[in-house]
Amino acid sequence: ALVPTGAVVLDNPRGTAPGLWLERGDQVVVLLPGPPRELE
């Protein structure tokens, strides 16, 4: 449940780890869970 300041939380209905969308200027960093059934 720890979320970096300014991140958009990406819901994960298939698991417990939400994904995160972060922006730094024009760049984007996306954090996704590892299990393919959650990531895909």
ModelCIF file with pLDDT and N, C-alpha, C, O atoms, coordinates in Angstrom:
data_MODEL
#
_entry.id   MODEL 
#
_entity.id                         1 
_entity.type                       polymer 
_entity.pdbx_number_of_molecules   1 
#
_entity_poly.entity_id                      1 
_entity_poly.type                           'polypeptide(L)' 
_entity_poly.nstd_linkage                   no 
_entity_poly.nstd_monomer                   no 
_entity_poly.pdbx_seq_one_letter_code       ALVPTGAVVLDNPRGTAPGLWLERGDQVVVLLPGPPRELE 
_entity_poly.pdbx_seq_one_letter_code_can   ALVPTGAVVLDNPRGTAPGLWLERGDQVVVLLPGPPRELE 
_entity_poly.pdbx_strand_id                 A 
#
loop_
_entity_poly_seq.entity_id 
_entity_poly_seq.num 
_entity_poly_seq.mon_id 
_entity_poly_seq.hetero 
1 1  ALA n 
1 2  LEU n 
1 3  VAL n 
1 4  PRO n 
1 5  THR n 
1 6  GLY n 
1 7  ALA n 
1 8  VAL n 
1 9  VAL n 
1 10 LEU n 
1 11 ASP n 
1 12 ASN n 
1 13 PRO n 
1 14 ARG n 
1 15 GLY n 
1 16 THR n 
1 17 ALA n 
1 18 PRO n 
1 19 GLY n 
1 20 LEU n 
1 21 TRP n 
1 22 LEU n 
1 23 GLU n 
1 24 ARG n 
1 25 GLY n 
1 26 ASP n 
1 27 GLN n 
1 28 VAL n 
1 29 VAL n 
1 30 VAL n 
1 31 LEU n 
1 32 LEU n 
1 33 PRO n 
1 34 GLY n 
1 35 PRO n 
1 36 PRO n 
1 37 ARG n 
1 38 GLU n 
1 39 LEU n 
1 40 GLU n 
#
_struct_asym.id          A 
_struct_asym.entity_id   1 
#
loop_
_ma_qa_metric.id 
_ma_qa_metric.mode 
_ma_qa_metric.name 
_ma_qa_metric.software_group_id 
_ma_qa_metric.type 
1 global pLDDT . pLDDT 
2 local  pLDDT . pLDDT 
#
_ma_qa_metric_global.metric_id      1 
_ma_qa_metric_global.metric_value   96.03 
_ma_qa_metric_global.model_id       1 
_ma_qa_metric_global.ordinal_id     1 
#
loop_
_ma_qa_metric_local.label_asym_id 
_ma_qa_metric_local.label_comp_id 
_ma_qa_metric_local.label_seq_id 
_ma_qa_metric_local.metric_id 
_ma_qa_metric_local.metric_value 
_ma_qa_metric_local.model_id 
_ma_qa_metric_local.ordinal_id 
A ALA 1  2 96.00 1 1  
A LEU 2  2 97.00 1 2  
A VAL 3  2 97.00 1 3  
A PRO 4  2 98.00 1 4  
A THR 5  2 97.00 1 5  
A GLY 6  2 97.00 1 6  
A ALA 7  2 97.00 1 7  
A VAL 8  2 96.00 1 8  
A VAL 9  2 96.00 1 9  
A LEU 10 2 96.00 1 10 
A ASP 11 2 93.00 1 11 
A ASN 12 2 94.00 1 12 
A PRO 13 2 90.00 1 13 
A ARG 14 2 94.00 1 14 
A GLY 15 2 93.00 1 15 
A THR 16 2 93.00 1 16 
A ALA 17 2 94.00 1 17 
A PRO 18 2 96.00 1 18 
A GLY 19 2 97.00 1 19 
A LEU 20 2 98.00 1 20 
A TRP 21 2 97.00 1 21 
A LEU 22 2 97.00 1 22 
A GLU 23 2 95.00 1 23 
A ARG 24 2 95.00 1 24 
A GLY 25 2 94.00 1 25 
A ASP 26 2 93.00 1 26 
A GLN 27 2 96.00 1 27 
A VAL 28 2 97.00 1 28 
A VAL 29 2 98.00 1 29 
A VAL 30 2 98.00 1 30 
A LEU 31 2 98.00 1 31 
A LEU 32 2 98.00 1 32 
A PRO 33 2 97.00 1 33 
A GLY 34 2 96.00 1 34 
A PRO 35 2 97.00 1 35 
A PRO 36 2 97.00 1 36 
A ARG 37 2 97.00 1 37 
A GLU 38 2 97.00 1 38 
A LEU 39 2 98.00 1 39 
A GLU 40 2 97.00 1 40 
#
loop_
_atom_site.group_PDB 
_atom_site.id 
_atom_site.type_symbol 
_atom_site.label_atom_id 
_atom_site.label_alt_id 
_atom_site.label_comp_id 
_atom_site.label_asym_id 
_atom_site.label_entity_id 
_atom_site.label_seq_id 
_atom_site.pdbx_PDB_ins_code 
_atom_site.Cartn_x 
_atom_site.Cartn_y 
_atom_site.Cartn_z 
_atom_site.occupancy 
_atom_site.B_iso_or_equiv 
_atom_site.pdbx_formal_charge 
_atom_site.auth_seq_id 
_atom_site.auth_comp_id 
_atom_site.auth_asym_id 
_atom_site.auth_atom_id 
_atom_site.pdbx_PDB_model_num 
ATOM 1   N N  . ALA A 1 1  ? 0.818  -1.209  0.000   1.00 96.00 ? 1  ALA A N  1 
ATOM 2   C CA . ALA A 1 1  ? 0.000  0.000   0.000   1.00 96.00 ? 1  ALA A CA 1 
ATOM 3   C C  . ALA A 1 1  ? 0.855  1.263   0.000   1.00 96.00 ? 1  ALA A C  1 
ATOM 4   O O  . ALA A 1 1  ? 0.315  2.369   0.030   1.00 96.00 ? 1  ALA A O  1 
ATOM 5   N N  . LEU A 1 2  ? 2.177  1.118   -0.033  1.00 97.00 ? 2  LEU A N  1 
ATOM 6   C CA . LEU A 1 2  ? 3.046  2.290   -0.091  1.00 97.00 ? 2  LEU A CA 1 
ATOM 7   C C  . LEU A 1 2  ? 3.059  2.832   -1.521  1.00 97.00 ? 2  LEU A C  1 
ATOM 8   O O  . LEU A 1 2  ? 3.353  2.108   -2.473  1.00 97.00 ? 2  LEU A O  1 
ATOM 9   N N  . VAL A 1 3  ? 2.735  4.113   -1.650  1.00 97.00 ? 3  VAL A N  1 
ATOM 10  C CA . VAL A 1 3  ? 2.612  4.740   -2.967  1.00 97.00 ? 3  VAL A CA 1 
ATOM 11  C C  . VAL A 1 3  ? 3.526  5.959   -3.023  1.00 97.00 ? 3  VAL A C  1 
ATOM 12  O O  . VAL A 1 3  ? 3.471  6.812   -2.137  1.00 97.00 ? 3  VAL A O  1 
ATOM 13  N N  . PRO A 1 4  ? 4.372  6.053   -4.058  1.00 98.00 ? 4  PRO A N  1 
ATOM 14  C CA . PRO A 1 4  ? 5.206  7.247   -4.211  1.00 98.00 ? 4  PRO A CA 1 
ATOM 15  C C  . PRO A 1 4  ? 4.345  8.489   -4.456  1.00 98.00 ? 4  PRO A C  1 
ATOM 16  O O  . PRO A 1 4  ? 3.295  8.403   -5.094  1.00 98.00 ? 4  PRO A O  1 
ATOM 17  N N  . THR A 1 5  ? 4.779  9.617   -3.960  1.00 97.00 ? 5  THR A N  1 
ATOM 18  C CA . THR A 1 5  ? 4.074  10.876  -4.146  1.00 97.00 ? 5  THR A CA 1 
ATOM 19  C C  . THR A 1 5  ? 3.814  11.125  -5.630  1.00 97.00 ? 5  THR A C  1 
ATOM 20  O O  . THR A 1 5  ? 4.729  11.049  -6.450  1.00 97.00 ? 5  THR A O  1 
ATOM 21  N N  . GLY A 1 6  ? 2.567  11.420  -5.963  1.00 97.00 ? 6  GLY A N  1 
ATOM 22  C CA . GLY A 1 6  ? 2.207  11.743  -7.339  1.00 97.00 ? 6  GLY A CA 1 
ATOM 23  C C  . GLY A 1 6  ? 1.919  10.554  -8.231  1.00 97.00 ? 6  GLY A C  1 
ATOM 24  O O  . GLY A 1 6  ? 1.552  10.734  -9.392  1.00 97.00 ? 6  GLY A O  1 
ATOM 25  N N  . ALA A 1 7  ? 2.076  9.337   -7.717  1.00 97.00 ? 7  ALA A N  1 
ATOM 26  C CA . ALA A 1 7  ? 1.847  8.139   -8.541  1.00 97.00 ? 7  ALA A CA 1 
ATOM 27  C C  . ALA A 1 7  ? 0.359  7.895   -8.736  1.00 97.00 ? 7  ALA A C  1 
ATOM 28  O O  . ALA A 1 7  ? -0.459 8.216   -7.874  1.00 97.00 ? 7  ALA A O  1 
ATOM 29  N N  . VAL A 1 8  ? 0.028  7.321   -9.882  1.00 96.00 ? 8  VAL A N  1 
ATOM 30  C CA . VAL A 1 8  ? -1.325 6.845   -10.143 1.00 96.00 ? 8  VAL A CA 1 
ATOM 31  C C  . VAL A 1 8  ? -1.322 5.348   -9.839  1.00 96.00 ? 8  VAL A C  1 
ATOM 32  O O  . VAL A 1 8  ? -0.487 4.610   -10.363 1.00 96.00 ? 8  VAL A O  1 
ATOM 33  N N  . VAL A 1 9  ? -2.242 4.903   -9.004  1.00 96.00 ? 9  VAL A N  1 
ATOM 34  C CA . VAL A 1 9  ? -2.336 3.496   -8.625  1.00 96.00 ? 9  VAL A CA 1 
ATOM 35  C C  . VAL A 1 9  ? -3.108 2.745   -9.710  1.00 96.00 ? 9  VAL A C  1 
ATOM 36  O O  . VAL A 1 9  ? -4.177 3.177   -10.141 1.00 96.00 ? 9  VAL A O  1 
ATOM 37  N N  . LEU A 1 10 ? -2.549 1.618   -10.143 1.00 96.00 ? 10 LEU A N  1 
ATOM 38  C CA . LEU A 1 10 ? -3.186 0.774   -11.157 1.00 96.00 ? 10 LEU A CA 1 
ATOM 39  C C  . LEU A 1 10 ? -3.781 -0.442  -10.449 1.00 96.00 ? 10 LEU A C  1 
ATOM 40  O O  . LEU A 1 10 ? -3.057 -1.231  -9.842  1.00 96.00 ? 10 LEU A O  1 
ATOM 41  N N  . ASP A 1 11 ? -5.077 -0.583  -10.529 1.00 93.00 ? 11 ASP A N  1 
ATOM 42  C CA . ASP A 1 11 ? -5.786 -1.647  -9.826  1.00 93.00 ? 11 ASP A CA 1 
ATOM 43  C C  . ASP A 1 11 ? -5.332 -3.029  -10.308 1.00 93.00 ? 11 ASP A C  1 
ATOM 44  O O  . ASP A 1 11 ? -5.053 -3.230  -11.490 1.00 93.00 ? 11 ASP A O  1 
ATOM 45  N N  . ASN A 1 12 ? -5.267 -3.966  -9.374  1.00 94.00 ? 12 ASN A N  1 
ATOM 46  C CA . ASN A 1 12 ? -4.888 -5.340  -9.683  1.00 94.00 ? 12 ASN A CA 1 
ATOM 47  C C  . ASN A 1 12 ? -5.978 -6.279  -9.173  1.00 94.00 ? 12 ASN A C  1 
ATOM 48  O O  . ASN A 1 12 ? -5.888 -6.759  -8.043  1.00 94.00 ? 12 ASN A O  1 
ATOM 49  N N  . PRO A 1 13 ? -7.011 -6.553  -9.983  1.00 90.00 ? 13 PRO A N  1 
ATOM 50  C CA . PRO A 1 13 ? -8.084 -7.423  -9.520  1.00 90.00 ? 13 PRO A CA 1 
ATOM 51  C C  . PRO A 1 13 ? -7.674 -8.880  -9.382  1.00 90.00 ? 13 PRO A C  1 
ATOM 52  O O  . PRO A 1 13 ? -8.409 -9.671  -8.792  1.00 90.00 ? 13 PRO A O  1 
ATOM 53  N N  . ARG A 1 14 ? -6.520 -9.249  -9.913  1.00 94.00 ? 14 ARG A N  1 
ATOM 54  C CA . ARG A 1 14 ? -6.082 -10.650 -9.866  1.00 94.00 ? 14 ARG A CA 1 
ATOM 55  C C  . ARG A 1 14 ? -5.001 -10.923 -8.827  1.00 94.00 ? 14 ARG A C  1 
ATOM 56  O O  . ARG A 1 14 ? -4.515 -12.050 -8.721  1.00 94.00 ? 14 ARG A O  1 
ATOM 57  N N  . GLY A 1 15 ? -4.625 -9.916  -8.068  1.00 93.00 ? 15 GLY A N  1 
ATOM 58  C CA . GLY A 1 15 ? -3.571 -10.121 -7.082  1.00 93.00 ? 15 GLY A CA 1 
ATOM 59  C C  . GLY A 1 15 ? -3.587 -9.013  -6.051  1.00 93.00 ? 15 GLY A C  1 
ATOM 60  O O  . GLY A 1 15 ? -4.477 -8.162  -6.037  1.00 93.00 ? 15 GLY A O  1 
ATOM 61  N N  . THR A 1 16 ? -2.584 -9.039  -5.186  1.00 93.00 ? 16 THR A N  1 
ATOM 62  C CA . THR A 1 16 ? -2.553 -8.063  -4.099  1.00 93.00 ? 16 THR A CA 1 
ATOM 63  C C  . THR A 1 16 ? -1.682 -6.846  -4.385  1.00 93.00 ? 16 THR A C  1 
ATOM 64  O O  . THR A 1 16 ? -1.867 -5.803  -3.757  1.00 93.00 ? 16 THR A O  1 
ATOM 65  N N  . ALA A 1 17 ? -0.737 -6.953  -5.317  1.00 94.00 ? 17 ALA A N  1 
ATOM 66  C CA . ALA A 1 17 ? 0.177  -5.844  -5.572  1.00 94.00 ? 17 ALA A CA 1 
ATOM 67  C C  . ALA A 1 17 ? -0.363 -4.930  -6.674  1.00 94.00 ? 17 ALA A C  1 
ATOM 68  O O  . ALA A 1 17 ? -0.435 -5.340  -7.832  1.00 94.00 ? 17 ALA A O  1 
ATOM 69  N N  . PRO A 1 18 ? -0.745 -3.689  -6.324  1.00 96.00 ? 18 PRO A N  1 
ATOM 70  C CA . PRO A 1 18 ? -1.180 -2.772  -7.369  1.00 96.00 ? 18 PRO A CA 1 
ATOM 71  C C  . PRO A 1 18 ? 0.017  -2.312  -8.203  1.00 96.00 ? 18 PRO A C  1 
ATOM 72  O O  . PRO A 1 18 ? 1.156  -2.309  -7.736  1.00 96.00 ? 18 PRO A O  1 
ATOM 73  N N  . GLY A 1 19 ? -0.266 -1.932  -9.424  1.00 97.00 ? 19 GLY A N  1 
ATOM 74  C CA . GLY A 1 19 ? 0.766  -1.333  -10.259 1.00 97.00 ? 19 GLY A CA 1 
ATOM 75  C C  . GLY A 1 19 ? 0.819  0.162   -9.991  1.00 97.00 ? 19 GLY A C  1 
ATOM 76  O O  . GLY A 1 19 ? -0.035 0.710   -9.294  1.00 97.00 ? 19 GLY A O  1 
ATOM 77  N N  . LEU A 1 20 ? 1.834  0.818   -10.553 1.00 98.00 ? 20 LEU A N  1 
ATOM 78  C CA . LEU A 1 20 ? 1.997  2.261   -10.350 1.00 98.00 ? 20 LEU A CA 1 
ATOM 79  C C  . LEU A 1 20 ? 2.421  2.924   -11.651 1.00 98.00 ? 20 LEU A C  1 
ATOM 80  O O  . LEU A 1 20 ? 3.218  2.364   -12.404 1.00 98.00 ? 20 LEU A O  1 
ATOM 81  N N  . TRP A 1 21 ? 1.900  4.102   -11.918 1.00 97.00 ? 21 TRP A N  1 
ATOM 82  C CA . TRP A 1 21 ? 2.256  4.938   -13.071 1.00 97.00 ? 21 TRP A CA 1 
ATOM 83  C C  . TRP A 1 21 ? 2.873  6.209   -12.504 1.00 97.00 ? 21 TRP A C  1 
ATOM 84  O O  . TRP A 1 21 ? 2.226  6.932   -11.746 1.00 97.00 ? 21 TRP A O  1 
ATOM 85  N N  . LEU A 1 22 ? 4.124  6.483   -12.870 1.00 97.00 ? 22 LEU A N  1 
ATOM 86  C CA . LEU A 1 22 ? 4.831  7.667   -12.381 1.00 97.00 ? 22 LEU A CA 1 
ATOM 87  C C  . LEU A 1 22 ? 5.324  8.484   -13.564 1.00 97.00 ? 22 LEU A C  1 
ATOM 88  O O  . LEU A 1 22 ? 5.724  7.929   -14.587 1.00 97.00 ? 22 LEU A O  1 
ATOM 89  N N  . GLU A 1 23 ? 5.295  9.795   -13.422 1.00 95.00 ? 23 GLU A N  1 
ATOM 90  C CA . GLU A 1 23 ? 5.807  10.668  -14.471 1.00 95.00 ? 23 GLU A CA 1 
ATOM 91  C C  . GLU A 1 23 ? 6.922  11.535  -13.915 1.00 95.00 ? 23 GLU A C  1 
ATOM 92  O O  . GLU A 1 23 ? 6.860  12.033  -12.791 1.00 95.00 ? 23 GLU A O  1 
ATOM 93  N N  . ARG A 1 24 ? 7.945  11.697  -14.746 1.00 95.00 ? 24 ARG A N  1 
ATOM 94  C CA . ARG A 1 24 ? 9.049  12.609  -14.426 1.00 95.00 ? 24 ARG A CA 1 
ATOM 95  C C  . ARG A 1 24 ? 9.277  13.444  -15.676 1.00 95.00 ? 24 ARG A C  1 
ATOM 96  O O  . ARG A 1 24 ? 9.909  12.984  -16.627 1.00 95.00 ? 24 ARG A O  1 
ATOM 97  N N  . GLY A 1 25 ? 8.767  14.663  -15.676 1.00 94.00 ? 25 GLY A N  1 
ATOM 98  C CA . GLY A 1 25 ? 8.812  15.475  -16.889 1.00 94.00 ? 25 GLY A CA 1 
ATOM 99  C C  . GLY A 1 25 ? 8.020  14.775  -17.976 1.00 94.00 ? 25 GLY A C  1 
ATOM 100 O O  . GLY A 1 25 ? 6.853  14.435  -17.783 1.00 94.00 ? 25 GLY A O  1 
ATOM 101 N N  . ASP A 1 26 ? 8.656  14.558  -19.123 1.00 93.00 ? 26 ASP A N  1 
ATOM 102 C CA . ASP A 1 26 ? 8.010  13.864  -20.234 1.00 93.00 ? 26 ASP A CA 1 
ATOM 103 C C  . ASP A 1 26 ? 8.171  12.349  -20.163 1.00 93.00 ? 26 ASP A C  1 
ATOM 104 O O  . ASP A 1 26 ? 7.611  11.625  -20.987 1.00 93.00 ? 26 ASP A O  1 
ATOM 105 N N  . GLN A 1 27 ? 8.924  11.874  -19.193 1.00 96.00 ? 27 GLN A N  1 
ATOM 106 C CA . GLN A 1 27 ? 9.166  10.438  -19.079 1.00 96.00 ? 27 GLN A CA 1 
ATOM 107 C C  . GLN A 1 27 ? 8.124  9.773   -18.188 1.00 96.00 ? 27 GLN A C  1 
ATOM 108 O O  . GLN A 1 27 ? 7.543  10.397  -17.299 1.00 96.00 ? 27 GLN A O  1 
ATOM 109 N N  . VAL A 1 28 ? 7.906  8.486   -18.454 1.00 97.00 ? 28 VAL A N  1 
ATOM 110 C CA . VAL A 1 28 ? 6.952  7.696   -17.675 1.00 97.00 ? 28 VAL A CA 1 
ATOM 111 C C  . VAL A 1 28 ? 7.656  6.449   -17.159 1.00 97.00 ? 28 VAL A C  1 
ATOM 112 O O  . VAL A 1 28 ? 8.422  5.811   -17.881 1.00 97.00 ? 28 VAL A O  1 
ATOM 113 N N  . VAL A 1 29 ? 7.391  6.112   -15.913 1.00 98.00 ? 29 VAL A N  1 
ATOM 114 C CA . VAL A 1 29 ? 7.885  4.874   -15.317 1.00 98.00 ? 29 VAL A CA 1 
ATOM 115 C C  . VAL A 1 29 ? 6.655  4.106   -14.826 1.00 98.00 ? 29 VAL A C  1 
ATOM 116 O O  . VAL A 1 29 ? 5.858  4.618   -14.040 1.00 98.00 ? 29 VAL A O  1 
ATOM 117 N N  . VAL A 1 30 ? 6.523  2.881   -15.302 1.00 98.00 ? 30 VAL A N  1 
ATOM 118 C CA . VAL A 1 30 ? 5.390  2.043   -14.923 1.00 98.00 ? 30 VAL A CA 1 
ATOM 119 C C  . VAL A 1 30 ? 5.918  0.839   -14.155 1.00 98.00 ? 30 VAL A C  1 
ATOM 120 O O  . VAL A 1 30 ? 6.833  0.155   -14.614 1.00 98.00 ? 30 VAL A O  1 
ATOM 121 N N  . LEU A 1 31 ? 5.341  0.584   -12.986 1.00 98.00 ? 31 LEU A N  1 
ATOM 122 C CA . LEU A 1 31 ? 5.711  -0.570  -12.170 1.00 98.00 ? 31 LEU A CA 1 
ATOM 123 C C  . LEU A 1 31 ? 4.557  -1.561  -12.219 1.00 98.00 ? 31 LEU A C  1 
ATOM 124 O O  . LEU A 1 31 ? 3.428  -1.238  -11.852 1.00 98.00 ? 31 LEU A O  1 
ATOM 125 N N  . LEU A 1 32 ? 4.860  -2.779  -12.681 1.00 98.00 ? 32 LEU A N  1 
ATOM 126 C CA . LEU A 1 32 ? 3.838  -3.818  -12.809 1.00 98.00 ? 32 LEU A CA 1 
ATOM 127 C C  . LEU A 1 32 ? 4.204  -5.024  -11.957 1.00 98.00 ? 32 LEU A C  1 
ATOM 128 O O  . LEU A 1 32 ? 5.387  -5.282  -11.730 1.00 98.00 ? 32 LEU A O  1 
ATOM 129 N N  . PRO A 1 33 ? 3.209  -5.767  -11.483 1.00 97.00 ? 33 PRO A N  1 
ATOM 130 C CA . PRO A 1 33 ? 3.499  -6.994  -10.732 1.00 97.00 ? 33 PRO A CA 1 
ATOM 131 C C  . PRO A 1 33 ? 4.120  -8.046  -11.639 1.00 97.00 ? 33 PRO A C  1 
ATOM 132 O O  . PRO A 1 33 ? 3.984  -7.978  -12.861 1.00 97.00 ? 33 PRO A O  1 
ATOM 133 N N  . GLY A 1 34 ? 4.799  -9.014  -11.046 1.00 96.00 ? 34 GLY A N  1 
ATOM 134 C CA . GLY A 1 34 ? 5.513  -10.026 -11.816 1.00 96.00 ? 34 GLY A CA 1 
ATOM 135 C C  . GLY A 1 34 ? 4.694  -11.168 -12.372 1.00 96.00 ? 34 GLY A C  1 
ATOM 136 O O  . GLY A 1 34 ? 4.955  -11.588 -13.500 1.00 96.00 ? 34 GLY A O  1 
ATOM 137 N N  . PRO A 1 35 ? 3.708  -11.704 -11.645 1.00 97.00 ? 35 PRO A N  1 
ATOM 138 C CA . PRO A 1 35 ? 2.967  -12.839 -12.189 1.00 97.00 ? 35 PRO A CA 1 
ATOM 139 C C  . PRO A 1 35 ? 2.259  -12.467 -13.496 1.00 97.00 ? 35 PRO A C  1 
ATOM 140 O O  . PRO A 1 35 ? 1.512  -11.489 -13.525 1.00 97.00 ? 35 PRO A O  1 
ATOM 141 N N  . PRO A 1 36 ? 2.477  -13.221 -14.573 1.00 97.00 ? 36 PRO A N  1 
ATOM 142 C CA . PRO A 1 36 ? 1.858  -12.891 -15.867 1.00 97.00 ? 36 PRO A CA 1 
ATOM 143 C C  . PRO A 1 36 ? 0.339  -12.772 -15.801 1.00 97.00 ? 36 PRO A C  1 
ATOM 144 O O  . PRO A 1 36 ? -0.236 -11.942 -16.505 1.00 97.00 ? 36 PRO A O  1 
ATOM 145 N N  . ARG A 1 37 ? -0.329 -13.582 -14.972 1.00 97.00 ? 37 ARG A N  1 
ATOM 146 C CA . ARG A 1 37 ? -1.791 -13.518 -14.893 1.00 97.00 ? 37 ARG A CA 1 
ATOM 147 C C  . ARG A 1 37 ? -2.261 -12.198 -14.285 1.00 97.00 ? 37 ARG A C  1 
ATOM 148 O O  . ARG A 1 37 ? -3.426 -11.831 -14.438 1.00 97.00 ? 37 ARG A O  1 
ATOM 149 N N  . GLU A 1 38 ? -1.363 -11.473 -13.592 1.00 97.00 ? 38 GLU A N  1 
ATOM 150 C CA . GLU A 1 38 ? -1.668 -10.145 -13.068 1.00 97.00 ? 38 GLU A CA 1 
ATOM 151 C C  . GLU A 1 38 ? -1.166 -9.058  -14.015 1.00 97.00 ? 38 GLU A C  1 
ATOM 152 O O  . GLU A 1 38 ? -1.867 -8.082  -14.282 1.00 97.00 ? 38 GLU A O  1 
ATOM 153 N N  . LEU A 1 39 ? 0.046  -9.236  -14.516 1.00 98.00 ? 39 LEU A N  1 
ATOM 154 C CA . LEU A 1 39 ? 0.679  -8.233  -15.372 1.00 98.00 ? 39 LEU A CA 1 
ATOM 155 C C  . LEU A 1 39 ? -0.064 -8.033  -16.691 1.00 98.00 ? 39 LEU A C  1 
ATOM 156 O O  . LEU A 1 39 ? -0.320 -6.897  -17.089 1.00 98.00 ? 39 LEU A O  1 
ATOM 157 N N  . GLU A 1 40 ? -0.409 -9.116  -17.366 1.00 97.00 ? 40 GLU A N  1 
ATOM 158 C CA . GLU A 1 40 ? -0.969 -9.003  -18.713 1.00 97.00 ? 40 GLU A CA 1 
ATOM 159 C C  . GLU A 1 40 ? -2.285 -8.229  -18.764 1.00 97.00 ? 40 GLU A C  1 
ATOM 160 O O  . GLU A 1 40 ? -2.862 -8.061  -19.839 1.00 97.00 ? 40 GLU A O  1 
#
